[in-house]
Amino acid sequence: MDNNTEMKNTVSPEAENNPAENPRKIPKNRRILKSGSYTVAVSAVVIAIVIVINFLFSALPESYTEIDISKESLYTVGDTTKDIVGGLEENVTLYYICEEGKEEVQVEKMVNSYAELSDKLTVTKIDPGVNPNFVSQYTSEDVKSNSIIAVSDKRTTVAAYNDFYRYNVDGYAEMSSEEFNEFYYSNYYQYQSVPEYSTLFYGEQAITSAVSYVVADDIPSLYYTTGHGETELSSTYAGYVSTENYNYESLSLLTSDIPDDAEAILIIAPTMDFTADETDALTKYVSGGGDVILITDYQSYSSESHPNLASFCASLGMKSADGLVMEGNSNRYFRTQNNIIPIIGSTAESSPASRLESTNMYTLMPGSHGIVAAEDNEDWTVTPVLSTTDEAYLKTVIDENTTFSKQDSDIEGQYLLGAASSRIDGEGGRFVWYSSSALIDESTDSYVGKGNSQMFIATLNWMAGKTETISIIGKDVSVDPLTMTESTVSAWKTVLCVIVPAAVAVTGLVVWARRRRR
């Protein structure tokens, strides 16, 4: 058995060198060729797979292939935009007006993301250099590059590039581009320096507002009264009203009747009383289903100085507690007792607070007088919107000797600083009263993260029956400078220019040496 085994394992000298009879003698270059062919085939398959995958991914929307890792999610739209655009029932076209090569990445990515939210919305880029007469078909405005024209079968509007950015300077309210440029150069020429500022991107708000505007069935009209020393809305607050797509127009009750299309009438801090004829017109308007918003403060309003307006308020279920309200609870005021941080009241449908996106916010109401329910009121339901705690107190006499602390003469109790009333039988319109003009003050608003303006817009939307707000918060696009000391710079130079290259070289030599020994 051993001999047979030995015979079978023995190879003749002639066969020893014959590759056909001795596989161990297959030429080395043939084995290399076989291995190389296999490698080429595998590489070709892998490359083909990569090409196919790349082609498939290139056909996907950017939202699936790009990840927004920016600090402020600059290229990602919010829930409000998704709800409005996703709920479109008619076709909308957004024309992105921009010359070739002058696209602003931030704007371009933002507008393109809208097309991915609904098959009812189309984004089309228009180069005015190639098609100079295109813009004039839709608007007579001077449309700057990177602006958007929104078009539907109902109407057209422009989301202007200048409205895409606002500027925030510490100690000041947010500024538009025009306001900031004026501020910038004024400070530069006066002080030879410019304070630090941040740039806020409001492109999403402007574009979403434009989409909502062109598909709305009706555009509500808001009228503000004149002729009584009223305060006008600032450009920023007027911008909020415009963003929410209200027509905003003045109204003199002495010379004009209340227009039929008036969704609401706004009365802001009148320093003089209305005439009896004017309040009669307002009463008739509310009886017919109209809504009125009144904003006053303790300095410009009292029942004694405005008897006709006070009588109008009483007929709607409310009256003023004249004087300056102080808050005794230290958790509900800012720095001093008159800078009240009121409690947000009911969020039931009978309150403007029902239109707030969240009640987890603050408003600031300095300089407020009190509001209380009128006596013998049987027809109107008064709903608290903003109120103090029961530790508040009212100072009825304000002079040079007035102090913030509570005195024996002060009237303690809980006071309304904002209230809404409507008829118990459901007939007629509604009335909302705020007792501090700080509600519409930009500087005050900045202290509470725009809580005051949110409440103001919520009130307008409540009266108009709108369920969504378009006042989308701006996103900070400022680039924070990377500041390093000289020693830190030197350390990084050493690490990047010496240590890292040396480590790579040593690693390479070690790998090379190990392979040489094999």
Protein backbone atom coordinates (compact mmCIF):
# COMPACT_ATOMS: atom_id res chain seq x y z
CA MET A 1 0.00 0.00 0.00
CA ASP A 2 2.82 2.35 0.82
CA ASN A 3 4.56 1.51 -2.45
CA ASN A 4 1.45 2.29 -4.48
CA THR A 5 1.02 5.57 -2.68
CA GLU A 6 4.61 6.45 -3.35
CA MET A 7 4.18 5.59 -7.04
CA LYS A 8 1.10 7.82 -7.34
CA ASN A 9 2.88 10.84 -5.78
CA THR A 10 5.93 10.45 -7.92
CA VAL A 11 6.20 12.71 -11.00
CA SER A 12 8.63 11.97 -13.79
CA PRO A 13 11.41 14.47 -14.49
CA GLU A 14 9.86 15.25 -17.89
CA ALA A 15 6.46 16.01 -16.36
CA GLU A 16 7.98 18.04 -13.54
CA ASN A 17 8.67 20.92 -15.88
CA ASN A 18 5.51 20.53 -17.99
CA PRO A 19 2.82 23.02 -16.85
CA ALA A 20 0.11 20.90 -18.42
CA GLU A 21 0.99 17.93 -16.20
CA ASN A 22 2.25 19.84 -13.14
CA PRO A 23 0.02 22.77 -12.05
CA ARG A 24 2.75 23.91 -9.68
CA LYS A 25 4.80 24.97 -12.68
CA ILE A 26 2.17 27.41 -14.12
CA PRO A 27 4.18 30.50 -15.14
CA LYS A 28 4.08 33.30 -12.58
CA ASN A 29 3.10 35.90 -15.20
CA ARG A 30 0.05 33.82 -16.14
CA ARG A 31 -1.11 33.77 -12.53
CA ILE A 32 -0.58 37.52 -12.35
CA LEU A 33 -2.56 38.00 -15.58
CA LYS A 34 -5.42 35.91 -14.22
CA SER A 35 -5.43 37.89 -10.95
CA GLY A 36 -5.24 41.19 -12.84
CA SER A 37 -8.15 40.28 -15.11
CA TYR A 38 -10.26 39.45 -12.07
CA THR A 39 -9.36 42.79 -10.46
CA VAL A 40 -10.24 44.71 -13.64
CA ALA A 41 -13.59 42.93 -13.89
CA VAL A 42 -14.46 43.65 -10.25
CA SER A 43 -13.37 47.29 -10.65
CA ALA A 44 -15.53 47.68 -13.75
CA VAL A 45 -18.55 46.27 -11.92
CA VAL A 46 -17.97 48.55 -8.92
CA ILE A 47 -17.58 51.61 -11.19
CA ALA A 48 -20.77 50.70 -13.04
CA ILE A 49 -22.65 50.35 -9.74
CA VAL A 50 -21.33 53.74 -8.57
CA ILE A 51 -22.40 55.38 -11.84
CA VAL A 52 -25.90 53.91 -11.60
CA ILE A 53 -26.28 54.92 -7.95
CA ASN A 54 -25.02 58.42 -8.75
CA PHE A 55 -27.50 58.69 -11.62
CA LEU A 56 -30.39 57.56 -9.40
CA PHE A 57 -29.44 60.00 -6.64
CA SER A 58 -29.11 62.87 -9.12
CA ALA A 59 -32.75 62.31 -10.09
CA LEU A 60 -33.92 62.67 -6.48
CA PRO A 61 -35.04 66.04 -5.04
CA GLU A 62 -32.39 68.02 -3.20
CA SER A 63 -34.27 67.53 0.07
CA TYR A 64 -33.36 63.81 -0.09
CA THR A 65 -29.75 64.21 -1.18
CA GLU A 66 -28.61 67.27 0.77
CA ILE A 67 -28.52 67.67 4.52
CA ASP A 68 -28.94 71.16 6.00
CA ILE A 69 -26.30 71.31 8.75
CA SER A 70 -26.31 75.11 9.06
CA LYS A 71 -26.75 76.41 12.60
CA GLU A 72 -30.04 78.17 11.77
CA SER A 73 -31.30 75.56 9.23
CA LEU A 74 -31.06 78.26 6.56
CA TYR A 75 -32.14 76.05 3.69
CA THR A 76 -34.96 74.21 5.44
CA VAL A 77 -38.54 75.50 5.43
CA GLY A 78 -40.67 75.37 8.56
CA ASP A 79 -44.01 73.80 9.36
CA THR A 80 -45.99 76.93 8.46
CA THR A 81 -44.61 76.90 4.92
CA LYS A 82 -45.16 73.15 4.60
CA ASP A 83 -48.78 73.52 5.67
CA ILE A 84 -49.54 76.44 3.34
CA VAL A 85 -47.73 75.14 0.26
CA GLY A 86 -48.65 71.51 0.89
CA GLY A 87 -52.30 72.50 1.11
CA LEU A 88 -52.45 74.34 -2.22
CA GLU A 89 -55.51 73.52 -4.29
CA GLU A 90 -54.66 75.69 -7.29
CA ASN A 91 -51.58 76.20 -9.41
CA VAL A 92 -48.95 78.73 -8.36
CA THR A 93 -45.80 79.69 -10.23
CA LEU A 94 -42.80 81.28 -8.54
CA TYR A 95 -40.62 83.14 -11.05
CA TYR A 96 -37.10 83.45 -9.70
CA ILE A 97 -35.78 86.66 -11.27
CA CYS A 98 -32.01 86.49 -11.49
CA GLU A 99 -29.27 87.07 -14.03
CA GLU A 100 -27.19 84.04 -14.89
CA GLY A 101 -24.18 83.80 -12.60
CA LYS A 102 -25.58 86.23 -10.01
CA GLU A 103 -27.67 83.76 -8.04
CA GLU A 104 -27.55 84.06 -4.28
CA VAL A 105 -27.17 80.52 -2.99
CA GLN A 106 -29.35 81.10 0.05
CA VAL A 107 -32.25 82.50 -1.97
CA GLU A 108 -31.94 79.99 -4.80
CA LYS A 109 -31.95 76.96 -2.51
CA MET A 110 -34.85 78.35 -0.51
CA VAL A 111 -37.11 79.01 -3.49
CA ASN A 112 -36.25 75.69 -5.13
CA SER A 113 -37.26 73.86 -1.96
CA TYR A 114 -40.84 75.13 -2.43
CA ALA A 115 -41.31 73.10 -5.61
CA GLU A 116 -40.67 69.92 -3.62
CA LEU A 117 -43.58 70.60 -1.25
CA SER A 118 -46.45 70.45 -3.75
CA ASP A 119 -47.11 69.42 -7.32
CA LYS A 120 -49.32 72.53 -7.53
CA LEU A 121 -46.30 74.83 -7.28
CA THR A 122 -43.71 75.38 -10.00
CA VAL A 123 -40.44 77.31 -9.79
CA THR A 124 -39.15 78.88 -13.01
CA LYS A 125 -35.94 80.84 -13.29
CA ILE A 126 -36.05 83.96 -15.46
CA ASP A 127 -32.94 85.83 -16.61
CA PRO A 128 -34.02 89.46 -17.19
CA GLY A 129 -30.97 89.95 -19.41
CA VAL A 130 -32.27 87.31 -21.78
CA ASN A 131 -35.96 88.21 -21.36
CA PRO A 132 -36.03 91.96 -20.53
CA ASN A 133 -39.80 92.39 -20.97
CA PHE A 134 -40.86 89.51 -18.73
CA VAL A 135 -41.20 91.39 -15.42
CA SER A 136 -43.36 94.15 -16.91
CA GLN A 137 -46.03 91.55 -17.73
CA TYR A 138 -46.74 91.15 -14.01
CA THR A 139 -45.70 94.33 -12.20
CA SER A 140 -44.62 97.92 -12.70
CA GLU A 141 -42.26 97.67 -9.72
CA ASP A 142 -38.49 97.81 -10.08
CA VAL A 143 -37.75 94.15 -9.38
CA LYS A 144 -34.18 93.55 -8.25
CA SER A 145 -32.18 90.45 -8.96
CA ASN A 146 -32.94 87.47 -6.68
CA SER A 147 -36.54 88.63 -6.16
CA ILE A 148 -39.54 86.34 -6.62
CA ILE A 149 -42.76 86.98 -8.56
CA ALA A 150 -45.65 84.80 -7.35
CA VAL A 151 -48.44 84.22 -9.87
CA SER A 152 -51.81 82.45 -9.70
CA ASP A 153 -55.04 82.78 -11.65
CA LYS A 154 -56.33 85.19 -8.97
CA ARG A 155 -53.52 87.71 -8.58
CA THR A 156 -49.82 88.46 -8.66
CA THR A 157 -47.36 89.83 -6.12
CA VAL A 158 -43.64 90.38 -5.68
CA ALA A 159 -41.46 89.02 -2.87
CA ALA A 160 -38.75 91.67 -3.12
CA TYR A 161 -35.12 90.86 -2.42
CA ASN A 162 -34.85 93.89 -0.11
CA ASP A 163 -37.45 92.24 2.15
CA PHE A 164 -35.40 89.06 2.48
CA TYR A 165 -32.97 90.58 4.99
CA ARG A 166 -33.27 92.58 8.18
CA TYR A 167 -30.53 93.76 10.51
CA ASN A 168 -30.30 93.56 14.28
CA VAL A 169 -28.13 96.01 16.22
CA ASP A 170 -27.88 95.64 20.00
CA GLY A 171 -30.06 98.22 21.70
CA TYR A 172 -32.15 98.91 18.59
CA ALA A 173 -35.16 97.33 16.94
CA GLU A 174 -34.69 95.25 13.79
CA MET A 175 -34.07 97.38 10.72
CA SER A 176 -34.94 96.99 7.07
CA SER A 177 -32.19 97.26 4.46
CA GLU A 178 -32.98 100.93 3.86
CA GLU A 179 -33.11 101.76 7.57
CA PHE A 180 -29.89 99.89 8.26
CA ASN A 181 -28.00 101.60 5.43
CA GLU A 182 -29.04 104.99 6.79
CA PHE A 183 -28.08 103.96 10.32
CA TYR A 184 -24.77 102.48 9.16
CA TYR A 185 -23.52 105.54 7.32
CA SER A 186 -24.83 107.93 9.97
CA ASN A 187 -22.84 106.15 12.65
CA TYR A 188 -19.79 105.87 10.44
CA TYR A 189 -19.65 109.58 9.63
CA GLN A 190 -20.45 110.60 13.21
CA TYR A 191 -18.29 108.16 15.18
CA GLN A 192 -16.00 106.68 12.49
CA SER A 193 -17.14 103.26 13.61
CA VAL A 194 -20.10 100.97 13.26
CA PRO A 195 -21.64 98.91 16.09
CA GLU A 196 -21.79 95.14 15.79
CA TYR A 197 -24.85 93.79 14.06
CA SER A 198 -26.34 90.52 12.89
CA THR A 199 -28.05 89.78 9.58
CA LEU A 200 -31.40 87.98 9.64
CA PHE A 201 -32.80 86.11 6.65
CA TYR A 202 -36.55 86.53 6.17
CA GLY A 203 -36.72 85.00 2.71
CA GLU A 204 -38.98 82.14 3.77
CA GLN A 205 -41.45 84.55 5.38
CA ALA A 206 -41.56 86.77 2.28
CA ILE A 207 -42.00 83.89 -0.18
CA THR A 208 -44.60 82.05 1.92
CA SER A 209 -46.54 85.29 2.38
CA ALA A 210 -46.51 85.79 -1.40
CA VAL A 211 -47.82 82.27 -2.01
CA SER A 212 -50.59 82.73 0.57
CA TYR A 213 -51.52 86.10 -0.92
CA VAL A 214 -51.97 84.94 -4.51
CA VAL A 215 -54.28 82.04 -3.58
CA ALA A 216 -56.40 83.78 -0.92
CA ASP A 217 -60.08 84.08 -1.77
CA ASP A 218 -60.27 87.54 -0.20
CA ILE A 219 -57.72 90.00 1.15
CA PRO A 220 -59.05 91.44 4.46
CA SER A 221 -58.86 95.20 4.99
CA LEU A 222 -57.71 96.73 8.27
CA TYR A 223 -58.43 100.44 8.82
CA TYR A 224 -56.70 102.64 11.39
CA THR A 225 -58.36 105.81 12.66
CA THR A 226 -56.85 109.28 12.35
CA GLY A 227 -57.65 112.72 13.70
CA HIS A 228 -57.30 112.10 17.45
CA GLY A 229 -53.52 112.19 17.91
CA GLU A 230 -53.23 108.45 17.35
CA THR A 231 -49.87 106.69 17.16
CA GLU A 232 -48.99 105.20 13.78
CA LEU A 233 -47.62 101.71 13.42
CA SER A 234 -43.87 101.62 12.87
CA SER A 235 -42.56 100.38 9.54
CA THR A 236 -41.70 97.08 11.21
CA TYR A 237 -45.20 96.51 12.59
CA ALA A 238 -46.75 97.72 9.34
CA GLY A 239 -44.55 95.12 7.68
CA TYR A 240 -46.01 92.44 9.95
CA VAL A 241 -49.50 93.50 8.87
CA SER A 242 -48.46 93.38 5.22
CA THR A 243 -46.81 89.97 5.65
CA GLU A 244 -50.08 88.61 7.01
CA ASN A 245 -51.68 89.90 3.79
CA TYR A 246 -53.95 92.63 5.12
CA ASN A 247 -54.76 95.79 3.24
CA TYR A 248 -53.84 98.54 5.71
CA GLU A 249 -55.49 101.92 5.17
CA SER A 250 -56.30 105.08 7.12
CA LEU A 251 -59.83 106.14 8.05
CA SER A 252 -61.21 109.48 9.22
CA LEU A 253 -64.56 108.89 10.91
CA LEU A 254 -65.26 112.63 10.75
CA THR A 255 -65.20 112.75 6.98
CA SER A 256 -65.87 109.17 5.86
CA ASP A 257 -68.22 106.31 6.53
CA ILE A 258 -66.77 102.98 7.59
CA PRO A 259 -66.08 101.04 4.37
CA ASP A 260 -68.09 97.89 3.73
CA ASP A 261 -64.92 95.82 3.35
CA ALA A 262 -63.55 96.77 6.80
CA GLU A 263 -62.50 93.54 8.52
CA ALA A 264 -61.51 95.48 11.64
CA ILE A 265 -60.84 99.03 12.84
CA LEU A 266 -57.68 99.78 14.79
CA ILE A 267 -57.51 102.69 17.26
CA ILE A 268 -53.98 103.28 18.61
CA ALA A 269 -53.34 105.48 21.66
CA PRO A 270 -55.61 108.45 20.87
CA THR A 271 -54.65 111.57 22.85
CA MET A 272 -57.99 113.27 22.12
CA ASP A 273 -61.51 111.98 22.53
CA PHE A 274 -63.77 110.84 19.70
CA THR A 275 -66.94 112.79 18.98
CA ALA A 276 -70.34 111.36 19.80
CA ASP A 277 -71.02 110.90 16.09
CA GLU A 278 -67.80 108.90 15.69
CA THR A 279 -68.55 106.57 18.58
CA ASP A 280 -72.11 106.16 17.27
CA ALA A 281 -70.62 105.06 13.95
CA LEU A 282 -68.34 102.59 15.75
CA THR A 283 -71.23 101.22 17.80
CA LYS A 284 -73.31 100.71 14.67
CA TYR A 285 -70.34 99.03 12.97
CA VAL A 286 -69.87 96.55 15.84
CA SER A 287 -73.62 95.86 16.00
CA GLY A 288 -73.46 94.93 12.33
CA GLY A 289 -70.70 92.39 12.90
CA GLY A 290 -67.59 94.59 12.72
CA ASP A 291 -64.55 94.24 14.99
CA VAL A 292 -62.64 96.98 16.83
CA ILE A 293 -59.18 96.90 18.42
CA LEU A 294 -58.38 99.64 20.92
CA ILE A 295 -54.86 100.24 22.28
CA THR A 296 -54.42 102.83 25.04
CA ASP A 297 -52.04 103.57 27.96
CA TYR A 298 -52.27 105.30 31.29
CA GLN A 299 -50.59 108.51 30.09
CA SER A 300 -52.88 109.25 27.15
CA TYR A 301 -56.18 107.74 28.25
CA SER A 302 -58.64 108.01 31.12
CA SER A 303 -62.41 107.86 31.43
CA GLU A 304 -62.39 111.54 32.31
CA SER A 305 -60.28 112.71 29.34
CA HIS A 306 -62.10 110.45 26.83
CA PRO A 307 -65.75 110.31 27.96
CA ASN A 308 -67.20 109.40 24.56
CA LEU A 309 -64.67 106.63 23.97
CA ALA A 310 -65.18 105.43 27.57
CA SER A 311 -68.94 105.26 26.96
CA PHE A 312 -68.33 103.23 23.78
CA CYS A 313 -66.12 100.76 25.71
CA ALA A 314 -68.71 100.44 28.50
CA SER A 315 -71.40 99.64 25.94
CA LEU A 316 -69.20 96.69 24.90
CA GLY A 317 -68.77 95.41 28.45
CA MET A 318 -65.52 97.03 29.64
CA LYS A 319 -64.27 100.12 31.40
CA SER A 320 -60.91 101.54 32.49
CA ALA A 321 -59.44 101.41 35.99
CA ASP A 322 -57.69 104.76 35.60
CA GLY A 323 -54.15 105.01 36.93
CA LEU A 324 -50.85 103.13 36.64
CA VAL A 325 -50.87 99.42 37.35
CA MET A 326 -47.94 97.93 39.31
CA GLU A 327 -47.20 94.25 39.74
CA GLY A 328 -46.41 93.04 43.25
CA ASN A 329 -45.24 89.57 42.24
CA SER A 330 -41.50 89.76 41.48
CA ASN A 331 -41.81 86.88 39.01
CA ARG A 332 -44.19 88.90 36.85
CA TYR A 333 -42.31 92.13 36.21
CA PHE A 334 -39.08 93.15 34.48
CA ARG A 335 -36.70 95.25 36.64
CA THR A 336 -39.39 97.58 38.01
CA GLN A 337 -42.97 96.92 39.08
CA ASN A 338 -44.56 98.89 36.23
CA ASN A 339 -42.84 96.74 33.55
CA ILE A 340 -45.44 94.03 33.84
CA ILE A 341 -45.07 90.56 32.33
CA PRO A 342 -48.76 89.65 32.23
CA ILE A 343 -50.33 86.23 32.47
CA ILE A 344 -51.72 85.01 29.15
CA GLY A 345 -55.35 84.15 29.74
CA SER A 346 -57.80 81.82 28.09
CA THR A 347 -56.89 80.15 24.80
CA ALA A 348 -60.52 79.33 24.09
CA GLU A 349 -61.96 80.40 20.75
CA SER A 350 -63.39 83.48 22.48
CA SER A 351 -59.84 84.84 22.98
CA PRO A 352 -57.22 86.18 20.53
CA ALA A 353 -54.71 84.00 22.42
CA SER A 354 -56.25 81.05 20.58
CA ARG A 355 -54.32 82.20 17.49
CA LEU A 356 -50.93 82.12 19.20
CA GLU A 357 -48.68 79.34 17.99
CA SER A 358 -47.66 78.80 21.61
CA THR A 359 -48.53 80.38 24.94
CA ASN A 360 -45.04 79.53 26.16
CA MET A 361 -43.95 83.12 25.54
CA TYR A 362 -43.84 86.48 27.28
CA THR A 363 -45.34 89.86 26.57
CA LEU A 364 -44.22 93.08 28.26
CA MET A 365 -46.79 95.77 29.11
CA PRO A 366 -45.21 98.78 30.83
CA GLY A 367 -47.29 101.90 31.45
CA SER A 368 -50.62 100.07 31.65
CA HIS A 369 -53.85 101.23 33.19
CA GLY A 370 -56.34 98.63 34.36
CA ILE A 371 -59.30 97.14 32.49
CA VAL A 372 -62.30 95.71 34.34
CA ALA A 373 -65.72 94.42 33.38
CA ALA A 374 -68.38 97.14 33.30
CA GLU A 375 -71.10 97.09 35.93
CA ASP A 376 -74.58 96.01 34.95
CA ASN A 377 -73.18 94.24 31.90
CA GLU A 378 -75.64 91.53 30.91
CA ASP A 379 -75.12 91.35 27.17
CA TRP A 380 -71.36 90.94 26.73
CA THR A 381 -68.93 88.19 27.72
CA VAL A 382 -65.52 89.55 28.73
CA THR A 383 -62.61 87.14 28.21
CA PRO A 384 -59.22 87.81 29.85
CA VAL A 385 -56.36 87.97 27.36
CA LEU A 386 -53.57 89.49 29.50
CA SER A 387 -53.78 90.01 33.25
CA THR A 388 -51.75 90.71 36.38
CA THR A 389 -51.59 88.51 39.45
CA ASP A 390 -53.80 89.31 42.44
CA GLU A 391 -50.73 90.94 44.04
CA ALA A 392 -50.94 93.88 41.64
CA TYR A 393 -51.96 97.37 42.75
CA LEU A 394 -53.21 100.53 41.05
CA LYS A 395 -51.72 103.98 41.64
CA THR A 396 -54.47 106.49 40.96
CA VAL A 397 -52.30 109.56 41.57
CA ILE A 398 -49.14 109.92 39.49
CA ASP A 399 -46.79 112.81 40.31
CA GLU A 400 -43.16 113.53 41.17
CA ASN A 401 -43.61 111.83 44.55
CA THR A 402 -44.91 108.55 43.11
CA THR A 403 -42.85 105.49 44.04
CA PHE A 404 -42.89 101.96 42.67
CA SER A 405 -43.54 100.37 46.05
CA LYS A 406 -47.07 99.79 47.28
CA GLN A 407 -48.62 102.57 49.36
CA ASP A 408 -51.73 102.53 51.56
CA SER A 409 -53.59 104.63 49.00
CA ASP A 410 -52.99 102.13 46.20
CA ILE A 411 -55.83 99.79 45.21
CA GLU A 412 -54.74 96.17 45.34
CA GLY A 413 -56.24 93.49 43.12
CA GLN A 414 -56.00 91.65 39.82
CA TYR A 415 -56.36 93.79 36.69
CA LEU A 416 -56.84 92.98 33.04
CA LEU A 417 -54.27 94.51 30.67
CA GLY A 418 -55.91 92.96 27.63
CA ALA A 419 -59.45 91.68 27.19
CA ALA A 420 -61.88 90.62 24.48
CA SER A 421 -65.66 90.94 24.55
CA SER A 422 -68.43 89.52 22.42
CA ARG A 423 -72.18 89.41 22.75
CA ILE A 424 -73.59 86.54 24.77
CA ASP A 425 -76.20 85.86 22.08
CA GLY A 426 -73.49 85.59 19.42
CA GLU A 427 -74.83 88.54 17.46
CA GLY A 428 -72.70 91.46 16.32
CA GLY A 429 -68.95 91.88 16.21
CA ARG A 430 -66.15 91.76 18.78
CA PHE A 431 -64.07 94.20 20.76
CA VAL A 432 -60.47 93.83 21.98
CA TRP A 433 -58.79 96.32 24.32
CA TYR A 434 -55.11 96.50 25.36
CA SER A 435 -54.08 99.04 28.00
CA SER A 436 -50.46 99.68 26.96
CA SER A 437 -49.19 101.07 23.66
CA ALA A 438 -45.97 99.11 24.35
CA LEU A 439 -47.78 96.25 22.64
CA ILE A 440 -46.81 97.86 19.32
CA ASP A 441 -43.42 99.26 20.37
CA GLU A 442 -40.45 97.65 18.62
CA SER A 443 -37.96 98.24 21.42
CA THR A 444 -40.26 96.66 24.01
CA ASP A 445 -40.96 93.81 21.61
CA SER A 446 -37.25 93.01 21.32
CA TYR A 447 -37.00 92.39 25.07
CA VAL A 448 -39.48 89.53 24.94
CA GLY A 449 -38.43 87.83 21.72
CA LYS A 450 -41.28 89.41 19.72
CA GLY A 451 -43.94 88.27 22.14
CA ASN A 452 -45.78 91.59 21.86
CA SER A 453 -45.91 91.53 18.08
CA GLN A 454 -47.02 87.89 18.15
CA MET A 455 -49.94 88.86 20.38
CA PHE A 456 -50.81 91.78 18.12
CA ILE A 457 -50.79 89.63 14.97
CA ALA A 458 -52.73 86.89 16.77
CA THR A 459 -55.42 89.46 17.56
CA LEU A 460 -55.71 90.51 13.91
CA ASN A 461 -55.87 86.90 12.74
CA TRP A 462 -58.48 86.04 15.38
CA MET A 463 -60.72 88.81 14.15
CA ALA A 464 -60.22 87.86 10.51
CA GLY A 465 -60.84 84.19 11.22
CA LYS A 466 -57.36 83.18 10.06
CA THR A 467 -55.94 80.07 11.65
CA GLU A 468 -52.30 80.44 10.60
CA THR A 469 -49.73 83.16 11.05
CA ILE A 470 -47.05 83.83 8.45
CA SER A 471 -44.78 85.83 10.75
CA ILE A 472 -41.91 83.36 10.47
CA ILE A 473 -38.91 84.21 12.65
CA GLY A 474 -35.83 85.39 10.72
CA LYS A 475 -32.75 83.18 10.65
CA ASP A 476 -29.38 84.58 11.66
CA VAL A 477 -26.99 84.32 8.71
CA SER A 478 -24.15 86.29 10.28
CA VAL A 479 -20.77 84.60 10.25
CA ASP A 480 -19.13 84.74 13.65
CA PRO A 481 -15.42 85.55 13.30
CA LEU A 482 -12.94 82.98 14.63
CA THR A 483 -10.73 84.94 17.00
CA MET A 484 -7.49 83.36 18.24
CA THR A 485 -4.51 84.65 20.20
CA GLU A 486 -1.05 84.71 18.65
CA SER A 487 0.06 81.77 20.78
CA THR A 488 -2.93 79.73 19.61
CA VAL A 489 -2.16 80.56 15.99
CA SER A 490 1.48 79.47 16.45
CA ALA A 491 0.39 76.23 18.08
CA TRP A 492 -1.95 75.39 15.22
CA LYS A 493 0.75 76.23 12.67
CA THR A 494 3.10 73.78 14.40
CA VAL A 495 0.45 71.06 14.50
CA LEU A 496 -0.72 71.46 10.88
CA CYS A 497 2.59 72.31 9.20
CA VAL A 498 5.04 70.13 11.18
CA ILE A 499 3.49 67.48 13.41
CA VAL A 500 0.77 66.21 11.04
CA PRO A 501 3.06 65.98 7.93
CA ALA A 502 5.78 64.29 10.04
CA ALA A 503 3.32 61.76 11.42
CA VAL A 504 2.10 60.93 7.91
CA ALA A 505 5.71 60.51 6.66
CA VAL A 506 6.74 58.26 9.57
CA THR A 507 3.60 56.14 9.13
CA GLY A 508 4.41 55.72 5.45
CA LEU A 509 8.03 54.68 6.16
CA VAL A 510 6.91 52.11 8.73
CA VAL A 511 4.41 50.57 6.30
CA TRP A 512 7.04 50.53 3.53
CA ALA A 513 9.64 48.87 5.78
CA ARG A 514 7.22 46.14 6.89
CA ARG A 515 6.32 45.32 3.29
CA ARG A 516 10.01 45.10 2.36
CA ARG A 517 10.55 42.37 4.95
CA ARG A 518 7.75 40.18 3.59
